[in-house]
Amino acid sequence: MALAIRWATPADVPVIFRLVQALAAYEKLSHAVTGNETLLHEHLFGDRPYIEAFLATWEEQVVGFALFFPNYSTFLTKPGLYLEDLFVQPEYRGRGIGKALLQRLAQLAIERDAGRLEWSVLDWNATAIAFYERIGASVLPDWRICRVTGAALATLATA
């Protein structure tokens, strides 16, 4: 079979970082990528991992990834998984790769007795929204992401 989904390994960090950069370019957010491979490696495989990742390979070439971390629902009193990034290189889209990555995440959520799998999608990305709805996801209209970064984060911490 041409498609395989596997866990990321430390040797995969450079390709994962390149995929992160490609995702940022696709979302017109390249300017927001301020991290580096060293930090990504530490956060994936260091003493205290914060994130996990699956890679999608097509004929043994890495063509996509899903990067995620645990979260928690107090209402369900269960852990969950939060999908931070899902990306398939444009020339490999339409082959079931994104769906296979999400299916593997759903399997992992069930293995871990998670109450839910969640992620965000940009409101202009109609193609992604339609895809997510086709696989059974609910795009919540009444929730908005709140974010504090940089100087505002420092101000909040010391206020």
C-alpha atoms as a PDB file:
ATOM      1  CA  MET A   1       0.000   0.000   0.000  1.00  0.00           C
ATOM      2  CA  ALA A   2       1.276   3.465  -0.849  1.00  0.00           C
ATOM      3  CA  LEU A   3      -0.054   5.172   2.322  1.00  0.00           C
ATOM      4  CA  ALA A   4       1.178   4.559   5.860  1.00  0.00           C
ATOM      5  CA  ILE A   5       0.578   6.424   9.115  1.00  0.00           C
ATOM      6  CA  ARG A   6       3.305   6.122  11.737  1.00  0.00           C
ATOM      7  CA  TRP A   7       4.567   7.751  14.907  1.00  0.00           C
ATOM      8  CA  ALA A   8       7.173  10.467  14.443  1.00  0.00           C
ATOM      9  CA  THR A   9      10.722   9.694  15.539  1.00  0.00           C
ATOM     10  CA  PRO A  10      13.533  12.055  16.563  1.00  0.00           C
ATOM     11  CA  ALA A  11      15.030  11.717  13.077  1.00  0.00           C
ATOM     12  CA  ASP A  12      11.792  13.152  11.620  1.00  0.00           C
ATOM     13  CA  VAL A  13      12.053  16.541  13.327  1.00  0.00           C
ATOM     14  CA  PRO A  14      13.602  18.365  10.327  1.00  0.00           C
ATOM     15  CA  VAL A  15      10.856  17.173   7.973  1.00  0.00           C
ATOM     16  CA  ILE A  16       8.156  17.983  10.532  1.00  0.00           C
ATOM     17  CA  PHE A  17       9.523  21.506  10.870  1.00  0.00           C
ATOM     18  CA  ARG A  18       9.519  21.896   7.069  1.00  0.00           C
ATOM     19  CA  LEU A  19       5.878  20.764   7.038  1.00  0.00           C
ATOM     20  CA  VAL A  20       5.073  23.305   9.769  1.00  0.00           C
ATOM     21  CA  GLN A  21       6.624  25.982   7.564  1.00  0.00           C
ATOM     22  CA  ALA A  22       4.611  24.755   4.562  1.00  0.00           C
ATOM     23  CA  LEU A  23       1.421  24.863   6.649  1.00  0.00           C
ATOM     24  CA  ALA A  24       2.220  28.414   7.739  1.00  0.00           C
ATOM     25  CA  ALA A  25       2.793  29.445   4.126  1.00  0.00           C
ATOM     26  CA  TYR A  26      -0.530  27.868   3.101  1.00  0.00           C
ATOM     27  CA  GLU A  27      -2.314  29.773   5.883  1.00  0.00           C
ATOM     28  CA  LYS A  28      -0.480  32.996   4.944  1.00  0.00           C
ATOM     29  CA  LEU A  29       1.153  32.990   8.387  1.00  0.00           C
ATOM     30  CA  SER A  30       4.838  32.397   7.588  1.00  0.00           C
ATOM     31  CA  HIS A  31       5.711  35.495   9.594  1.00  0.00           C
ATOM     32  CA  ALA A  32       4.297  33.792  12.705  1.00  0.00           C
ATOM     33  CA  VAL A  33       6.792  30.902  12.640  1.00  0.00           C
ATOM     34  CA  THR A  34       9.377  31.995  15.191  1.00  0.00           C
ATOM     35  CA  GLY A  35      10.353  28.577  16.579  1.00  0.00           C
ATOM     36  CA  ASN A  36      13.044  26.189  15.412  1.00  0.00           C
ATOM     37  CA  GLU A  37      13.881  22.511  15.005  1.00  0.00           C
ATOM     38  CA  THR A  38      15.761  22.365  18.313  1.00  0.00           C
ATOM     39  CA  LEU A  39      12.719  23.432  20.328  1.00  0.00           C
ATOM     40  CA  LEU A  40      10.434  21.179  18.305  1.00  0.00           C
ATOM     41  CA  HIS A  41      12.734  18.222  19.038  1.00  0.00           C
ATOM     42  CA  GLU A  42      12.770  19.058  22.745  1.00  0.00           C
ATOM     43  CA  HIS A  43       8.998  19.367  22.909  1.00  0.00           C
ATOM     44  CA  LEU A  44       8.427  16.114  21.021  1.00  0.00           C
ATOM     45  CA  PHE A  45      11.177  13.950  22.517  1.00  0.00           C
ATOM     46  CA  GLY A  46      12.716  15.742  25.522  1.00  0.00           C
ATOM     47  CA  ASP A  47      12.510  14.840  29.195  1.00  0.00           C
ATOM     48  CA  ARG A  48       8.988  16.257  29.372  1.00  0.00           C
ATOM     49  CA  PRO A  49       7.273  15.893  25.986  1.00  0.00           C
ATOM     50  CA  TYR A  50       4.472  18.379  25.389  1.00  0.00           C
ATOM     51  CA  ILE A  51       3.354  17.172  21.973  1.00  0.00           C
ATOM     52  CA  GLU A  52       3.094  14.037  19.870  1.00  0.00           C
ATOM     53  CA  ALA A  53       2.957  13.540  16.122  1.00  0.00           C
ATOM     54  CA  PHE A  54       1.903  11.094  13.458  1.00  0.00           C
ATOM     55  CA  LEU A  55       3.416  11.218  10.004  1.00  0.00           C
ATOM     56  CA  ALA A  56       1.760  10.214   6.767  1.00  0.00           C
ATOM     57  CA  THR A  57       4.025   8.618   4.215  1.00  0.00           C
ATOM     58  CA  TRP A  58       3.213   7.959   0.591  1.00  0.00           C
ATOM     59  CA  GLU A  59       5.519   5.384  -0.936  1.00  0.00           C
ATOM     60  CA  GLU A  60       7.803   5.948   2.078  1.00  0.00           C
ATOM     61  CA  GLN A  61       8.063   9.730   1.535  1.00  0.00           C
ATOM     62  CA  VAL A  62       6.691  11.939   4.337  1.00  0.00           C
ATOM     63  CA  VAL A  63       3.832  13.943   2.830  1.00  0.00           C
ATOM     64  CA  GLY A  64       1.792  15.045   5.844  1.00  0.00           C
ATOM     65  CA  PHE A  65       1.541  15.191   9.602  1.00  0.00           C
ATOM     66  CA  ALA A  66      -0.753  15.540  12.572  1.00  0.00           C
ATOM     67  CA  LEU A  67       0.678  17.196  15.688  1.00  0.00           C
ATOM     68  CA  PHE A  68      -1.378  16.981  18.864  1.00  0.00           C
ATOM     69  CA  PHE A  69      -1.348  17.097  22.651  1.00  0.00           C
ATOM     70  CA  PRO A  70      -3.600  16.078  25.538  1.00  0.00           C
ATOM     71  CA  ASN A  71      -6.287  18.349  26.892  1.00  0.00           C
ATOM     72  CA  TYR A  72      -9.036  17.823  29.438  1.00  0.00           C
ATOM     73  CA  SER A  73     -12.790  18.252  29.674  1.00  0.00           C
ATOM     74  CA  THR A  74     -14.093  19.068  33.132  1.00  0.00           C
ATOM     75  CA  PHE A  75     -17.656  18.588  31.889  1.00  0.00           C
ATOM     76  CA  LEU A  76     -16.885  15.044  30.691  1.00  0.00           C
ATOM     77  CA  THR A  77     -14.255  14.503  33.413  1.00  0.00           C
ATOM     78  CA  LYS A  78     -12.143  12.844  30.750  1.00  0.00           C
ATOM     79  CA  PRO A  79      -8.925  13.575  28.954  1.00  0.00           C
ATOM     80  CA  GLY A  80      -9.046  14.508  25.293  1.00  0.00           C
ATOM     81  CA  LEU A  81      -6.748  15.166  22.378  1.00  0.00           C
ATOM     82  CA  TYR A  82      -6.243  18.548  20.757  1.00  0.00           C
ATOM     83  CA  LEU A  83      -5.046  18.528  17.171  1.00  0.00           C
ATOM     84  CA  GLU A  84      -2.776  21.541  16.772  1.00  0.00           C
ATOM     85  CA  ASP A  85      -1.770  20.953  13.151  1.00  0.00           C
ATOM     86  CA  LEU A  86      -2.995  18.741  10.328  1.00  0.00           C
ATOM     87  CA  PHE A  87      -1.294  19.222   6.997  1.00  0.00           C
ATOM     88  CA  VAL A  88      -0.915  17.277   3.779  1.00  0.00           C
ATOM     89  CA  GLN A  89       1.284  18.613   1.013  1.00  0.00           C
ATOM     90  CA  PRO A  90      -0.978  20.039  -1.716  1.00  0.00           C
ATOM     91  CA  GLU A  91       0.165  17.635  -4.423  1.00  0.00           C
ATOM     92  CA  TYR A  92      -0.911  14.673  -2.251  1.00  0.00           C
ATOM     93  CA  ARG A  93      -4.369  15.936  -1.300  1.00  0.00           C
ATOM     94  CA  GLY A  94      -7.437  14.039  -2.435  1.00  0.00           C
ATOM     95  CA  ARG A  95      -5.857  10.635  -1.722  1.00  0.00           C
ATOM     96  CA  GLY A  96      -7.392  10.049   1.719  1.00  0.00           C
ATOM     97  CA  ILE A  97      -4.248  11.061   3.616  1.00  0.00           C
ATOM     98  CA  GLY A  98      -5.850  13.709   5.825  1.00  0.00           C
ATOM     99  CA  LYS A  99      -8.720  11.370   6.632  1.00  0.00           C
ATOM    100  CA  ALA A 100      -6.254   8.580   7.486  1.00  0.00           C
ATOM    101  CA  LEU A 101      -4.398  10.889   9.879  1.00  0.00           C
ATOM    102  CA  LEU A 102      -7.667  11.863  11.577  1.00  0.00           C
ATOM    103  CA  GLN A 103      -8.765   8.220  11.749  1.00  0.00           C
ATOM    104  CA  ARG A 104      -5.492   7.308  13.478  1.00  0.00           C
ATOM    105  CA  LEU A 105      -6.010  10.157  15.954  1.00  0.00           C
ATOM    106  CA  ALA A 106      -9.565   8.967  16.613  1.00  0.00           C
ATOM    107  CA  GLN A 107      -8.215   5.452  17.254  1.00  0.00           C
ATOM    108  CA  LEU A 108      -5.665   6.861  19.691  1.00  0.00           C
ATOM    109  CA  ALA A 109      -8.375   8.878  21.450  1.00  0.00           C
ATOM    110  CA  ILE A 110     -10.399   5.702  21.928  1.00  0.00           C
ATOM    111  CA  GLU A 111      -7.313   3.767  23.105  1.00  0.00           C
ATOM    112  CA  ARG A 112      -6.713   6.473  25.716  1.00  0.00           C
ATOM    113  CA  ASP A 113     -10.381   6.669  26.742  1.00  0.00           C
ATOM    114  CA  ALA A 114     -10.532  10.290  25.636  1.00  0.00           C
ATOM    115  CA  GLY A 115     -13.845  12.093  25.727  1.00  0.00           C
ATOM    116  CA  ARG A 116     -13.223  14.081  22.567  1.00  0.00           C
ATOM    117  CA  LEU A 117     -10.891  15.055  19.768  1.00  0.00           C
ATOM    118  CA  GLU A 118     -10.843  18.770  18.972  1.00  0.00           C
ATOM    119  CA  TRP A 119      -9.118  21.207  16.655  1.00  0.00           C
ATOM    120  CA  SER A 120      -9.542  24.665  15.151  1.00  0.00           C
ATOM    121  CA  VAL A 121     -10.012  25.681  11.537  1.00  0.00           C
ATOM    122  CA  LEU A 122      -9.627  29.098   9.948  1.00  0.00           C
ATOM    123  CA  ASP A 123     -12.995  30.565   9.000  1.00  0.00           C
ATOM    124  CA  TRP A 124     -11.878  31.251   5.408  1.00  0.00           C
ATOM    125  CA  ASN A 125     -10.797  27.647   4.792  1.00  0.00           C
ATOM    126  CA  ALA A 126     -14.063  26.438   3.273  1.00  0.00           C
ATOM    127  CA  THR A 127     -12.416  23.349   1.762  1.00  0.00           C
ATOM    128  CA  ALA A 128     -11.167  22.177   5.169  1.00  0.00           C
ATOM    129  CA  ILE A 129     -14.472  22.994   6.873  1.00  0.00           C
ATOM    130  CA  ALA A 130     -16.391  20.964   4.281  1.00  0.00           C
ATOM    131  CA  PHE A 131     -13.945  18.056   4.697  1.00  0.00           C
ATOM    132  CA  TYR A 132     -14.260  18.102   8.488  1.00  0.00           C
ATOM    133  CA  GLU A 133     -18.053  18.177   8.298  1.00  0.00           C
ATOM    134  CA  ARG A 134     -18.045  15.246   5.835  1.00  0.00           C
ATOM    135  CA  ILE A 135     -16.130  13.104   8.336  1.00  0.00           C
ATOM    136  CA  GLY A 136     -18.587  13.928  11.118  1.00  0.00           C
ATOM    137  CA  ALA A 137     -16.988  16.900  12.877  1.00  0.00           C
ATOM    138  CA  SER A 138     -19.109  19.718  14.239  1.00  0.00           C
ATOM    139  CA  VAL A 139     -17.783  23.196  13.506  1.00  0.00           C
ATOM    140  CA  LEU A 140     -18.893  25.093  16.589  1.00  0.00           C
ATOM    141  CA  PRO A 141     -20.316  28.489  15.613  1.00  0.00           C
ATOM    142  CA  ASP A 142     -20.502  29.967  19.086  1.00  0.00           C
ATOM    143  CA  TRP A 143     -16.924  29.426  20.323  1.00  0.00           C
ATOM    144  CA  ARG A 144     -13.958  31.685  19.641  1.00  0.00           C
ATOM    145  CA  ILE A 145     -10.300  31.137  20.453  1.00  0.00           C
ATOM    146  CA  CYS A 146      -8.760  33.564  22.937  1.00  0.00           C
ATOM    147  CA  ARG A 147      -5.011  34.068  22.776  1.00  0.00           C
ATOM    148  CA  VAL A 148      -2.484  36.053  24.782  1.00  0.00           C
ATOM    149  CA  THR A 149       1.113  36.169  23.468  1.00  0.00           C
ATOM    150  CA  GLY A 150       4.298  38.210  23.620  1.00  0.00           C
ATOM    151  CA  ALA A 151       4.123  41.504  25.484  1.00  0.00           C
ATOM    152  CA  ALA A 152       0.456  41.000  26.356  1.00  0.00           C
ATOM    153  CA  LEU A 153       1.322  37.674  28.004  1.00  0.00           C
ATOM    154  CA  ALA A 154       4.105  39.310  29.999  1.00  0.00           C
ATOM    155  CA  THR A 155       1.776  42.121  31.044  1.00  0.00           C
ATOM    156  CA  LEU A 156      -0.910  39.695  32.140  1.00  0.00           C
ATOM    157  CA  ALA A 157       1.597  37.672  34.145  1.00  0.00           C
ATOM    158  CA  THR A 158       2.707  40.725  36.094  1.00  0.00           C
ATOM    159  CA  ALA A 159      -0.585  42.625  36.336  1.00  0.00           C
END
